[in-house]
Amino acid sequence: MRTILFCALAVAALPAFALADDDSVSCTTKPQSAWMKLEVAASKVEEAGYSDVRNIKATGSCYEIYAFTAKHERAEVYMNPVTAEIVKAEVED
């Protein structure tokens, strides 16, 4: 019985963990109609020193950009889609 209860609680908690991750980065409160085009975002992230942009997608209030650093390390960059400010960057070791 404890195992069933534990499993039920674990499954119920999964969406909360997912939402906590999505809300961890906030980039803008502006509507998507004010956001720059994806091509412009790609050029802005390259100007910031990243290269070989692989993918750009809207995630929450940010652009999530997959690219490489100057040292050819994979990077996941969160960019403000209005100002092109890099809000967060995660580099894979």
PDB file of N, CA and C in Angstrom:
ATOM      1  N   MET A   1       0.817  -1.189   0.000  1.00  0.00           N
ATOM      2  CA  MET A   1       0.000   0.000   0.000  1.00  0.00           C
ATOM      3  C   MET A   1       0.871   1.268   0.000  1.00  0.00           C
ATOM      4  N   ARG A   2       1.956   1.251   0.755  1.00  0.00           N
ATOM      5  CA  ARG A   2       2.846   2.406   0.800  1.00  0.00           C
ATOM      6  C   ARG A   2       3.477   2.661  -0.565  1.00  0.00           C
ATOM      7  N   THR A   3       3.807   1.580  -1.269  1.00  0.00           N
ATOM      8  CA  THR A   3       4.406   1.713  -2.592  1.00  0.00           C
ATOM      9  C   THR A   3       3.443   2.403  -3.548  1.00  0.00           C
ATOM     10  N   ILE A   4       2.185   2.026  -3.511  1.00  0.00           N
ATOM     11  CA  ILE A   4       1.175   2.636  -4.388  1.00  0.00           C
ATOM     12  C   ILE A   4       1.020   4.110  -4.046  1.00  0.00           C
ATOM     13  N   LEU A   5       0.965   4.434  -2.774  1.00  0.00           N
ATOM     14  CA  LEU A   5       0.833   5.827  -2.342  1.00  0.00           C
ATOM     15  C   LEU A   5       2.051   6.646  -2.773  1.00  0.00           C
ATOM     16  N   PHE A   6       3.251   6.079  -2.597  1.00  0.00           N
ATOM     17  CA  PHE A   6       4.472   6.775  -3.003  1.00  0.00           C
ATOM     18  C   PHE A   6       4.471   7.039  -4.505  1.00  0.00           C
ATOM     19  N   CYS A   7       4.109   6.035  -5.296  1.00  0.00           N
ATOM     20  CA  CYS A   7       4.063   6.196  -6.762  1.00  0.00           C
ATOM     21  C   CYS A   7       3.051   7.258  -7.168  1.00  0.00           C
ATOM     22  N   ALA A   8       1.896   7.257  -6.525  1.00  0.00           N
ATOM     23  CA  ALA A   8       0.865   8.248  -6.840  1.00  0.00           C
ATOM     24  C   ALA A   8       1.356   9.657  -6.525  1.00  0.00           C
ATOM     25  N   LEU A   9       2.036   9.828  -5.405  1.00  0.00           N
ATOM     26  CA  LEU A   9       2.571  11.136  -5.036  1.00  0.00           C
ATOM     27  C   LEU A   9       3.678  11.566  -5.995  1.00  0.00           C
ATOM     28  N   ALA A  10       4.527  10.632  -6.391  1.00  0.00           N
ATOM     29  CA  ALA A  10       5.611  10.958  -7.321  1.00  0.00           C
ATOM     30  C   ALA A  10       5.059  11.404  -8.665  1.00  0.00           C
ATOM     31  N   VAL A  11       4.063  10.718  -9.170  1.00  0.00           N
ATOM     32  CA  VAL A  11       3.459  11.086 -10.457  1.00  0.00           C
ATOM     33  C   VAL A  11       2.761  12.432 -10.343  1.00  0.00           C
ATOM     34  N   ALA A  12       2.105  12.688  -9.233  1.00  0.00           N
ATOM     35  CA  ALA A  12       1.419  13.965  -9.041  1.00  0.00           C
ATOM     36  C   ALA A  12       2.406  15.125  -8.954  1.00  0.00           C
ATOM     37  N   ALA A  13       3.608  14.869  -8.472  1.00  0.00           N
ATOM     38  CA  ALA A  13       4.600  15.931  -8.310  1.00  0.00           C
ATOM     39  C   ALA A  13       5.331  16.266  -9.602  1.00  0.00           C
ATOM     40  N   LEU A  14       5.329  15.385 -10.580  1.00  0.00           N
ATOM     41  CA  LEU A  14       6.071  15.625 -11.816  1.00  0.00           C
ATOM     42  C   LEU A  14       5.709  16.936 -12.507  1.00  0.00           C
ATOM     43  N   PRO A  15       4.438  17.263 -12.703  1.00  0.00           N
ATOM     44  CA  PRO A  15       4.130  18.548 -13.346  1.00  0.00           C
ATOM     45  C   PRO A  15       4.654  19.744 -12.566  1.00  0.00           C
ATOM     46  N   ALA A  16       4.681  19.667 -11.270  1.00  0.00           N
ATOM     47  CA  ALA A  16       5.196  20.777 -10.464  1.00  0.00           C
ATOM     48  C   ALA A  16       6.680  20.990 -10.727  1.00  0.00           C
ATOM     49  N   PHE A  17       7.436  19.895 -10.864  1.00  0.00           N
ATOM     50  CA  PHE A  17       8.859  20.019 -11.177  1.00  0.00           C
ATOM     51  C   PHE A  17       9.054  20.619 -12.551  1.00  0.00           C
ATOM     52  N   ALA A  18       8.261  20.219 -13.515  1.00  0.00           N
ATOM     53  CA  ALA A  18       8.375  20.754 -14.875  1.00  0.00           C
ATOM     54  C   ALA A  18       8.055  22.239 -14.893  1.00  0.00           C
ATOM     55  N   LEU A  19       7.024  22.654 -14.188  1.00  0.00           N
ATOM     56  CA  LEU A  19       6.654  24.067 -14.157  1.00  0.00           C
ATOM     57  C   LEU A  19       7.717  24.892 -13.453  1.00  0.00           C
ATOM     58  N   ALA A  20       8.312  24.348 -12.420  1.00  0.00           N
ATOM     59  CA  ALA A  20       9.361  25.090 -11.708  1.00  0.00           C
ATOM     60  C   ALA A  20      10.532  25.369 -12.636  1.00  0.00           C
ATOM     61  N   ASP A  21      10.875  24.420 -13.495  1.00  0.00           N
ATOM     62  CA  ASP A  21      11.979  24.602 -14.427  1.00  0.00           C
ATOM     63  C   ASP A  21      11.635  25.645 -15.477  1.00  0.00           C
ATOM     64  N   ASP A  22      10.424  25.610 -16.015  1.00  0.00           N
ATOM     65  CA  ASP A  22      10.017  26.559 -17.045  1.00  0.00           C
ATOM     66  C   ASP A  22       9.961  27.985 -16.514  1.00  0.00           C
ATOM     67  N   ASP A  23       9.606  28.152 -15.255  1.00  0.00           N
ATOM     68  CA  ASP A  23       9.467  29.482 -14.681  1.00  0.00           C
ATOM     69  C   ASP A  23      10.789  30.030 -14.150  1.00  0.00           C
ATOM     70  N   SER A  24      11.849  29.257 -14.222  1.00  0.00           N
ATOM     71  CA  SER A  24      13.109  29.681 -13.629  1.00  0.00           C
ATOM     72  C   SER A  24      13.756  30.834 -14.397  1.00  0.00           C
ATOM     73  N   VAL A  25      13.415  30.996 -15.677  1.00  0.00           N
ATOM     74  CA  VAL A  25      13.988  32.060 -16.488  1.00  0.00           C
ATOM     75  C   VAL A  25      12.846  32.915 -17.023  1.00  0.00           C
ATOM     76  N   SER A  26      12.901  34.191 -16.732  1.00  0.00           N
ATOM     77  CA  SER A  26      11.912  35.130 -17.245  1.00  0.00           C
ATOM     78  C   SER A  26      12.646  36.202 -18.030  1.00  0.00           C
ATOM     79  N   CYS A  27      12.206  36.424 -19.273  1.00  0.00           N
ATOM     80  CA  CYS A  27      12.936  37.349 -20.139  1.00  0.00           C
ATOM     81  C   CYS A  27      12.196  38.647 -20.421  1.00  0.00           C
ATOM     82  N   THR A  28      10.903  38.567 -20.652  1.00  0.00           N
ATOM     83  CA  THR A  28      10.160  39.774 -21.001  1.00  0.00           C
ATOM     84  C   THR A  28       8.684  39.616 -20.655  1.00  0.00           C
ATOM     85  N   THR A  29       8.032  40.743 -20.519  1.00  0.00           N
ATOM     86  CA  THR A  29       6.580  40.734 -20.338  1.00  0.00           C
ATOM     87  C   THR A  29       5.875  41.251 -21.592  1.00  0.00           C
ATOM     88  N   LYS A  30       6.649  41.595 -22.597  1.00  0.00           N
ATOM     89  CA  LYS A  30       6.092  42.115 -23.852  1.00  0.00           C
ATOM     90  C   LYS A  30       5.384  40.992 -24.611  1.00  0.00           C
ATOM     91  N   PRO A  31       4.345  41.307 -25.378  1.00  0.00           N
ATOM     92  CA  PRO A  31       3.661  40.285 -26.179  1.00  0.00           C
ATOM     93  C   PRO A  31       4.551  39.805 -27.324  1.00  0.00           C
ATOM     94  N   GLN A  32       4.267  38.621 -27.830  1.00  0.00           N
ATOM     95  CA  GLN A  32       5.090  38.053 -28.899  1.00  0.00           C
ATOM     96  C   GLN A  32       5.084  38.915 -30.159  1.00  0.00           C
ATOM     97  N   SER A  33       4.087  39.737 -30.330  1.00  0.00           N
ATOM     98  CA  SER A  33       4.061  40.629 -31.493  1.00  0.00           C
ATOM     99  C   SER A  33       5.197  41.650 -31.451  1.00  0.00           C
ATOM    100  N   ALA A  34       5.780  41.880 -30.270  1.00  0.00           N
ATOM    101  CA  ALA A  34       6.894  42.827 -30.124  1.00  0.00           C
ATOM    102  C   ALA A  34       8.257  42.141 -30.213  1.00  0.00           C
ATOM    103  N   TRP A  35       8.276  40.827 -30.330  1.00  0.00           N
ATOM    104  CA  TRP A  35       9.534  40.078 -30.342  1.00  0.00           C
ATOM    105  C   TRP A  35      10.224  40.206 -31.697  1.00  0.00           C
ATOM    106  N   MET A  36      11.551  40.155 -31.689  1.00  0.00           N
ATOM    107  CA  MET A  36      12.321  40.185 -32.932  1.00  0.00           C
ATOM    108  C   MET A  36      12.141  38.859 -33.671  1.00  0.00           C
ATOM    109  N   LYS A  37      12.402  38.888 -34.945  1.00  0.00           N
ATOM    110  CA  LYS A  37      12.311  37.667 -35.748  1.00  0.00           C
ATOM    111  C   LYS A  37      13.433  36.706 -35.358  1.00  0.00           C
ATOM    112  N   LEU A  38      13.198  35.431 -35.604  1.00  0.00           N
ATOM    113  CA  LEU A  38      14.179  34.409 -35.237  1.00  0.00           C
ATOM    114  C   LEU A  38      15.527  34.637 -35.911  1.00  0.00           C
ATOM    115  N   GLU A  39      15.509  35.106 -37.161  1.00  0.00           N
ATOM    116  CA  GLU A  39      16.756  35.355 -37.889  1.00  0.00           C
ATOM    117  C   GLU A  39      17.573  36.460 -37.225  1.00  0.00           C
ATOM    118  N   VAL A  40      16.886  37.467 -36.733  1.00  0.00           N
ATOM    119  CA  VAL A  40      17.563  38.574 -36.041  1.00  0.00           C
ATOM    120  C   VAL A  40      18.151  38.062 -34.718  1.00  0.00           C
ATOM    121  N   ALA A  41      17.397  37.229 -34.011  1.00  0.00           N
ATOM    122  CA  ALA A  41      17.893  36.660 -32.756  1.00  0.00           C
ATOM    123  C   ALA A  41      19.147  35.832 -33.008  1.00  0.00           C
ATOM    124  N   ALA A  42      19.156  35.072 -34.104  1.00  0.00           N
ATOM    125  CA  ALA A  42      20.335  34.268 -34.441  1.00  0.00           C
ATOM    126  C   ALA A  42      21.551  35.153 -34.683  1.00  0.00           C
ATOM    127  N   SER A  43      21.365  36.250 -35.393  1.00  0.00           N
ATOM    128  CA  SER A  43      22.502  37.140 -35.645  1.00  0.00           C
ATOM    129  C   SER A  43      22.959  37.840 -34.365  1.00  0.00           C
ATOM    130  N   LYS A  44      22.024  38.163 -33.476  1.00  0.00           N
ATOM    131  CA  LYS A  44      22.387  38.811 -32.202  1.00  0.00           C
ATOM    132  C   LYS A  44      23.192  37.871 -31.308  1.00  0.00           C
ATOM    133  N   VAL A  45      22.823  36.595 -31.275  1.00  0.00           N
ATOM    134  CA  VAL A  45      23.568  35.657 -30.433  1.00  0.00           C
ATOM    135  C   VAL A  45      24.952  35.411 -31.025  1.00  0.00           C
ATOM    136  N   GLU A  46      25.071  35.462 -32.335  1.00  0.00           N
ATOM    137  CA  GLU A  46      26.392  35.342 -32.964  1.00  0.00           C
ATOM    138  C   GLU A  46      27.249  36.567 -32.651  1.00  0.00           C
ATOM    139  N   GLU A  47      26.634  37.752 -32.635  1.00  0.00           N
ATOM    140  CA  GLU A  47      27.358  38.966 -32.252  1.00  0.00           C
ATOM    141  C   GLU A  47      27.855  38.878 -30.809  1.00  0.00           C
ATOM    142  N   ALA A  48      27.145  38.118 -29.978  1.00  0.00           N
ATOM    143  CA  ALA A  48      27.526  37.956 -28.572  1.00  0.00           C
ATOM    144  C   ALA A  48      28.636  36.918 -28.388  1.00  0.00           C
ATOM    145  N   GLY A  49      29.097  36.307 -29.495  1.00  0.00           N
ATOM    146  CA  GLY A  49      30.223  35.393 -29.396  1.00  0.00           C
ATOM    147  C   GLY A  49      29.904  33.929 -29.596  1.00  0.00           C
ATOM    148  N   TYR A  50      28.663  33.603 -29.858  1.00  0.00           N
ATOM    149  CA  TYR A  50      28.290  32.215 -30.109  1.00  0.00           C
ATOM    150  C   TYR A  50      28.310  31.965 -31.613  1.00  0.00           C
ATOM    151  N   SER A  51      28.430  30.689 -31.996  1.00  0.00           N
ATOM    152  CA  SER A  51      28.469  30.373 -33.421  1.00  0.00           C
ATOM    153  C   SER A  51      27.654  29.122 -33.710  1.00  0.00           C
ATOM    154  N   ASP A  52      27.483  28.864 -34.971  1.00  0.00           N
ATOM    155  CA  ASP A  52      26.825  27.646 -35.439  1.00  0.00           C
ATOM    156  C   ASP A  52      25.494  27.424 -34.727  1.00  0.00           C
ATOM    157  N   VAL A  53      24.592  28.403 -34.834  1.00  0.00           N
ATOM    158  CA  VAL A  53      23.281  28.321 -34.203  1.00  0.00           C
ATOM    159  C   VAL A  53      22.539  27.131 -34.798  1.00  0.00           C
ATOM    160  N   ARG A  54      22.119  26.209 -33.947  1.00  0.00           N
ATOM    161  CA  ARG A  54      21.463  24.982 -34.394  1.00  0.00           C
ATOM    162  C   ARG A  54      19.945  25.058 -34.345  1.00  0.00           C
ATOM    163  N   ASN A  55      19.421  25.731 -33.326  1.00  0.00           N
ATOM    164  CA  ASN A  55      17.970  25.756 -33.147  1.00  0.00           C
ATOM    165  C   ASN A  55      17.591  26.959 -32.298  1.00  0.00           C
ATOM    166  N   ILE A  56      16.465  27.562 -32.637  1.00  0.00           N
ATOM    167  CA  ILE A  56      15.894  28.650 -31.837  1.00  0.00           C
ATOM    168  C   ILE A  56      14.421  28.356 -31.671  1.00  0.00           C
ATOM    169  N   LYS A  57      13.945  28.484 -30.433  1.00  0.00           N
ATOM    170  CA  LYS A  57      12.526  28.296 -30.200  1.00  0.00           C
ATOM    171  C   LYS A  57      12.071  29.226 -29.075  1.00  0.00           C
ATOM    172  N   ALA A  58      10.804  29.551 -29.104  1.00  0.00           N
ATOM    173  CA  ALA A  58      10.218  30.352 -28.036  1.00  0.00           C
ATOM    174  C   ALA A  58       9.885  29.418 -26.880  1.00  0.00           C
ATOM    175  N   THR A  59      10.394  29.753 -25.698  1.00  0.00           N
ATOM    176  CA  THR A  59      10.123  28.983 -24.491  1.00  0.00           C
ATOM    177  C   THR A  59       9.693  29.957 -23.419  1.00  0.00           C
ATOM    178  N   GLY A  60       8.451  29.897 -23.028  1.00  0.00           N
ATOM    179  CA  GLY A  60       7.943  30.845 -22.042  1.00  0.00           C
ATOM    180  C   GLY A  60       8.053  32.253 -22.576  1.00  0.00           C
ATOM    181  N   SER A  61       8.803  33.101 -21.886  1.00  0.00           N
ATOM    182  CA  SER A  61       8.968  34.492 -22.312  1.00  0.00           C
ATOM    183  C   SER A  61      10.345  34.736 -22.922  1.00  0.00           C
ATOM    184  N   CYS A  62      11.021  33.671 -23.339  1.00  0.00           N
ATOM    185  CA  CYS A  62      12.390  33.767 -23.863  1.00  0.00           C
ATOM    186  C   CYS A  62      12.515  33.096 -25.225  1.00  0.00           C
ATOM    187  N   TYR A  63      13.622  33.418 -25.897  1.00  0.00           N
ATOM    188  CA  TYR A  63      14.081  32.596 -26.998  1.00  0.00           C
ATOM    189  C   TYR A  63      15.113  31.655 -26.397  1.00  0.00           C
ATOM    190  N   GLU A  64      14.955  30.373 -26.666  1.00  0.00           N
ATOM    191  CA  GLU A  64      15.914  29.368 -26.239  1.00  0.00           C
ATOM    192  C   GLU A  64      16.726  29.008 -27.471  1.00  0.00           C
ATOM    193  N   ILE A  65      18.029  29.244 -27.407  1.00  0.00           N
ATOM    194  CA  ILE A  65      18.895  29.109 -28.578  1.00  0.00           C
ATOM    195  C   ILE A  65      19.978  28.073 -28.286  1.00  0.00           C
ATOM    196  N   TYR A  66      20.127  27.135 -29.203  1.00  0.00           N
ATOM    197  CA  TYR A  66      21.177  26.123 -29.105  1.00  0.00           C
ATOM    198  C   TYR A  66      22.271  26.487 -30.089  1.00  0.00           C
ATOM    199  N   ALA A  67      23.484  26.660 -29.583  1.00  0.00           N
ATOM    200  CA  ALA A  67      24.615  27.087 -30.412  1.00  0.00           C
ATOM    201  C   ALA A  67      25.895  26.546 -29.792  1.00  0.00           C
ATOM    202  N   PHE A  68      27.031  27.058 -30.265  1.00  0.00           N
ATOM    203  CA  PHE A  68      28.335  26.660 -29.744  1.00  0.00           C
ATOM    204  C   PHE A  68      29.107  27.898 -29.305  1.00  0.00           C
ATOM    205  N   THR A  69      29.958  27.726 -28.290  1.00  0.00           N
ATOM    206  CA  THR A  69      30.817  28.811 -27.831  1.00  0.00           C
ATOM    207  C   THR A  69      32.023  28.912 -28.754  1.00  0.00           C
ATOM    208  N   ALA A  70      32.862  29.896 -28.514  1.00  0.00           N
ATOM    209  CA  ALA A  70      34.089  30.056 -29.292  1.00  0.00           C
ATOM    210  C   ALA A  70      35.024  28.862 -29.094  1.00  0.00           C
ATOM    211  N   LYS A  71      34.888  28.154 -27.959  1.00  0.00           N
ATOM    212  CA  LYS A  71      35.702  26.969 -27.683  1.00  0.00           C
ATOM    213  C   LYS A  71      35.030  25.690 -28.186  1.00  0.00           C
ATOM    214  N   HIS A  72      33.987  25.845 -28.986  1.00  0.00           N
ATOM    215  CA  HIS A  72      33.232  24.730 -29.576  1.00  0.00           C
ATOM    216  C   HIS A  72      32.527  23.862 -28.542  1.00  0.00           C
ATOM    217  N   GLU A  73      32.094  24.479 -27.449  1.00  0.00           N
ATOM    218  CA  GLU A  73      31.294  23.793 -26.443  1.00  0.00           C
ATOM    219  C   GLU A  73      29.824  24.060 -26.749  1.00  0.00           C
ATOM    220  N   ARG A  74      28.990  23.063 -26.533  1.00  0.00           N
ATOM    221  CA  ARG A  74      27.552  23.255 -26.741  1.00  0.00           C
ATOM    222  C   ARG A  74      27.016  24.230 -25.711  1.00  0.00           C
ATOM    223  N   ALA A  75      26.138  25.117 -26.161  1.00  0.00           N
ATOM    224  CA  ALA A  75      25.554  26.109 -25.254  1.00  0.00           C
ATOM    225  C   ALA A  75      24.054  26.194 -25.477  1.00  0.00           C
ATOM    226  N   GLU A  76      23.345  26.379 -24.379  1.00  0.00           N
ATOM    227  CA  GLU A  76      21.910  26.638 -24.406  1.00  0.00           C
ATOM    228  C   GLU A  76      21.744  28.049 -23.855  1.00  0.00           C
ATOM    229  N   VAL A  77      21.301  28.962 -24.709  1.00  0.00           N
ATOM    230  CA  VAL A  77      21.256  30.377 -24.369  1.00  0.00           C
ATOM    231  C   VAL A  77      19.802  30.841 -24.293  1.00  0.00           C
ATOM    232  N   TYR A  78      19.456  31.531 -23.220  1.00  0.00           N
ATOM    233  CA  TYR A  78      18.133  32.122 -23.076  1.00  0.00           C
ATOM    234  C   TYR A  78      18.270  33.617 -23.323  1.00  0.00           C
ATOM    235  N   MET A  79      17.554  34.107 -24.324  1.00  0.00           N
ATOM    236  CA  MET A  79      17.674  35.499 -24.750  1.00  0.00           C
ATOM    237  C   MET A  79      16.338  36.231 -24.624  1.00  0.00           C
ATOM    238  N   ASN A  80      16.427  37.476 -24.157  1.00  0.00           N
ATOM    239  CA  ASN A  80      15.251  38.343 -24.174  1.00  0.00           C
ATOM    240  C   ASN A  80      14.910  38.604 -25.639  1.00  0.00           C
ATOM    241  N   PRO A  81      13.717  38.228 -26.101  1.00  0.00           N
ATOM    242  CA  PRO A  81      13.376  38.344 -27.511  1.00  0.00           C
ATOM    243  C   PRO A  81      13.059  39.764 -27.965  1.00  0.00           C
ATOM    244  N   VAL A  82      13.080  40.712 -27.047  1.00  0.00           N
ATOM    245  CA  VAL A  82      12.822  42.112 -27.392  1.00  0.00           C
ATOM    246  C   VAL A  82      14.129  42.899 -27.417  1.00  0.00           C
ATOM    247  N   THR A  83      14.980  42.703 -26.401  1.00  0.00           N
ATOM    248  CA  THR A  83      16.201  43.496 -26.266  1.00  0.00           C
ATOM    249  C   THR A  83      17.468  42.763 -26.707  1.00  0.00           C
ATOM    250  N   ALA A  84      17.381  41.461 -26.934  1.00  0.00           N
ATOM    251  CA  ALA A  84      18.515  40.594 -27.288  1.00  0.00           C
ATOM    252  C   ALA A  84      19.487  40.406 -26.127  1.00  0.00           C
ATOM    253  N   GLU A  85      19.095  40.766 -24.920  1.00  0.00           N
ATOM    254  CA  GLU A  85      19.929  40.537 -23.745  1.00  0.00           C
ATOM    255  C   GLU A  85      19.980  39.040 -23.462  1.00  0.00           C
ATOM    256  N   ILE A  86      21.170  38.515 -23.212  1.00  0.00           N
ATOM    257  CA  ILE A  86      21.307  37.122 -22.828  1.00  0.00           C
ATOM    258  C   ILE A  86      21.041  37.044 -21.336  1.00  0.00           C
ATOM    259  N   VAL A  87      19.975  36.352 -20.994  1.00  0.00           N
ATOM    260  CA  VAL A  87      19.508  36.269 -19.613  1.00  0.00           C
ATOM    261  C   VAL A  87      20.194  35.120 -18.880  1.00  0.00           C
ATOM    262  N   LYS A  88      20.441  34.024 -19.605  1.00  0.00           N
ATOM    263  CA  LYS A  88      21.057  32.853 -18.988  1.00  0.00           C
ATOM    264  C   LYS A  88      21.749  32.055 -20.087  1.00  0.00           C
ATOM    265  N   ALA A  89      22.890  31.485 -19.773  1.00  0.00           N
ATOM    266  CA  ALA A  89      23.588  30.617 -20.721  1.00  0.00           C
ATOM    267  C   ALA A  89      24.134  29.412 -19.968  1.00  0.00           C
ATOM    268  N   GLU A  90      23.829  28.246 -20.486  1.00  0.00           N
ATOM    269  CA  GLU A  90      24.330  27.011 -19.913  1.00  0.00           C
ATOM    270  C   GLU A  90      25.288  26.395 -20.917  1.00  0.00           C
ATOM    271  N   VAL A  91      26.522  26.141 -20.483  1.00  0.00           N
ATOM    272  CA  VAL A  91      27.552  25.586 -21.364  1.00  0.00           C
ATOM    273  C   VAL A  91      27.849  24.170 -20.919  1.00  0.00           C
ATOM    274  N   GLU A  92      27.840  23.250 -21.881  1.00  0.00           N
ATOM    275  CA  GLU A  92      28.110  21.840 -21.579  1.00  0.00           C
ATOM    276  C   GLU A  92      29.608  21.619 -21.501  1.00  0.00           C
ATOM    277  N   ASP A  93      30.051  20.952 -20.446  1.00  0.00           N
ATOM    278  CA  ASP A  93      31.484  20.667 -20.278  1.00  0.00           C
ATOM    279  C   ASP A  93      31.932  19.526 -21.174  1.00  0.00           C
TER     280      ASP A  93
END
